[in-house]
């Protein structure tokens, strides 16, 4: 559901960006990584099982993106 994803994007964009920016060397890299994280979340939405919160799922994607 794209409308639901839009709401989650609106809700979590700033916190995810702040997390990424704390680890990235500059703003441009943080912006690129954040865009990649949300693209990955959108393309992998069917793998979200709902066992935990969406917040923890998106932050796990962010953590993995930074670690690689």
C-alpha atoms as a PDB file:
ATOM      1  CA  UNK A   1       0.000   0.000   0.000  1.00  0.00           C
ATOM      2  CA  UNK A   2       1.805   3.081  -1.274  1.00  0.00           C
ATOM      3  CA  UNK A   3      -0.256   5.501   0.860  1.00  0.00           C
ATOM      4  CA  UNK A   4       0.767   3.625   4.005  1.00  0.00           C
ATOM      5  CA  UNK A   5       4.412   3.702   2.927  1.00  0.00           C
ATOM      6  CA  UNK A   6       4.106   7.441   2.278  1.00  0.00           C
ATOM      7  CA  UNK A   7       2.973   7.945   5.881  1.00  0.00           C
ATOM      8  CA  UNK A   8       5.830   5.824   7.216  1.00  0.00           C
ATOM      9  CA  UNK A   9       8.277   7.757   5.041  1.00  0.00           C
ATOM     10  CA  UNK A  10       6.959  11.041   6.398  1.00  0.00           C
ATOM     11  CA  UNK A  11       7.167   9.767   9.971  1.00  0.00           C
ATOM     12  CA  UNK A  12      10.641   8.224   9.828  1.00  0.00           C
ATOM     13  CA  UNK A  13      12.558  10.310   7.288  1.00  0.00           C
ATOM     14  CA  UNK A  14      14.010  12.756   9.815  1.00  0.00           C
ATOM     15  CA  UNK A  15      14.972  10.198  12.478  1.00  0.00           C
ATOM     16  CA  UNK A  16      16.573   7.896   9.907  1.00  0.00           C
ATOM     17  CA  UNK A  17      18.440  10.799   8.300  1.00  0.00           C
ATOM     18  CA  UNK A  18      19.740  11.968  11.712  1.00  0.00           C
ATOM     19  CA  UNK A  19      20.936   8.447  12.491  1.00  0.00           C
ATOM     20  CA  UNK A  20      22.646   8.109   9.116  1.00  0.00           C
ATOM     21  CA  UNK A  21      24.139  11.606   9.309  1.00  0.00           C
ATOM     22  CA  UNK A  22      25.737  10.774  12.662  1.00  0.00           C
ATOM     23  CA  UNK A  23      27.666   8.022  10.873  1.00  0.00           C
ATOM     24  CA  UNK A  24      28.214   9.538   7.406  1.00  0.00           C
ATOM     25  CA  UNK A  25      31.139  11.793   6.516  1.00  0.00           C
ATOM     26  CA  UNK A  26      28.970  14.546   4.980  1.00  0.00           C
ATOM     27  CA  UNK A  27      25.411  15.656   4.203  1.00  0.00           C
ATOM     28  CA  UNK A  28      25.441  14.453   0.595  1.00  0.00           C
ATOM     29  CA  UNK A  29      26.459  10.939   1.587  1.00  0.00           C
ATOM     30  CA  UNK A  30      23.825  10.896   4.332  1.00  0.00           C
ATOM     31  CA  UNK A  31      21.137  12.000   1.868  1.00  0.00           C
ATOM     32  CA  UNK A  32      22.145   9.313  -0.633  1.00  0.00           C
ATOM     33  CA  UNK A  33      22.193   6.607   2.034  1.00  0.00           C
ATOM     34  CA  UNK A  34      18.827   7.712   3.391  1.00  0.00           C
ATOM     35  CA  UNK A  35      17.292   7.539  -0.080  1.00  0.00           C
ATOM     36  CA  UNK A  36      18.805   4.072  -0.541  1.00  0.00           C
ATOM     37  CA  UNK A  37      17.388   2.938   2.816  1.00  0.00           C
ATOM     38  CA  UNK A  38      13.853   3.994   1.940  1.00  0.00           C
ATOM     39  CA  UNK A  39      14.114   2.484  -1.540  1.00  0.00           C
ATOM     40  CA  UNK A  40      15.237  -0.786   0.060  1.00  0.00           C
ATOM     41  CA  UNK A  41      12.350  -0.594   2.544  1.00  0.00           C
ATOM     42  CA  UNK A  42       9.835   0.007  -0.239  1.00  0.00           C
ATOM     43  CA  UNK A  43      11.188  -2.771  -2.430  1.00  0.00           C
ATOM     44  CA  UNK A  44      11.367  -5.172   0.543  1.00  0.00           C
ATOM     45  CA  UNK A  45       8.038  -4.235   2.127  1.00  0.00           C
ATOM     46  CA  UNK A  46       6.655  -7.716   1.588  1.00  0.00           C
ATOM     47  CA  UNK A  47       9.406  -9.130   3.821  1.00  0.00           C
ATOM     48  CA  UNK A  48       8.249  -7.071   6.820  1.00  0.00           C
ATOM     49  CA  UNK A  49       6.628  -9.731   9.001  1.00  0.00           C
ATOM     50  CA  UNK A  50       5.274  -7.439  11.690  1.00  0.00           C
ATOM     51  CA  UNK A  51       6.998  -9.339  14.496  1.00  0.00           C
ATOM     52  CA  UNK A  52       8.539  -6.081  15.664  1.00  0.00           C
ATOM     53  CA  UNK A  53       7.869  -2.448  14.963  1.00  0.00           C
ATOM     54  CA  UNK A  54       8.327  -0.826  11.584  1.00  0.00           C
ATOM     55  CA  UNK A  55      10.691   1.609  13.288  1.00  0.00           C
ATOM     56  CA  UNK A  56      13.069  -1.153  14.367  1.00  0.00           C
ATOM     57  CA  UNK A  57      12.853  -2.736  10.893  1.00  0.00           C
ATOM     58  CA  UNK A  58      13.738   0.496   9.065  1.00  0.00           C
ATOM     59  CA  UNK A  59      16.552   1.230  11.501  1.00  0.00           C
ATOM     60  CA  UNK A  60      17.945  -2.276  10.947  1.00  0.00           C
ATOM     61  CA  UNK A  61      17.999  -1.522   7.208  1.00  0.00           C
ATOM     62  CA  UNK A  62      19.757   1.765   8.010  1.00  0.00           C
ATOM     63  CA  UNK A  63      22.295   0.040  10.238  1.00  0.00           C
ATOM     64  CA  UNK A  64      23.037  -2.527   7.538  1.00  0.00           C
ATOM     65  CA  UNK A  65      23.401   0.204   4.896  1.00  0.00           C
ATOM     66  CA  UNK A  66      25.923   2.062   7.023  1.00  0.00           C
ATOM     67  CA  UNK A  67      27.856  -1.084   7.913  1.00  0.00           C
ATOM     68  CA  UNK A  68      28.474  -1.988   4.264  1.00  0.00           C
END
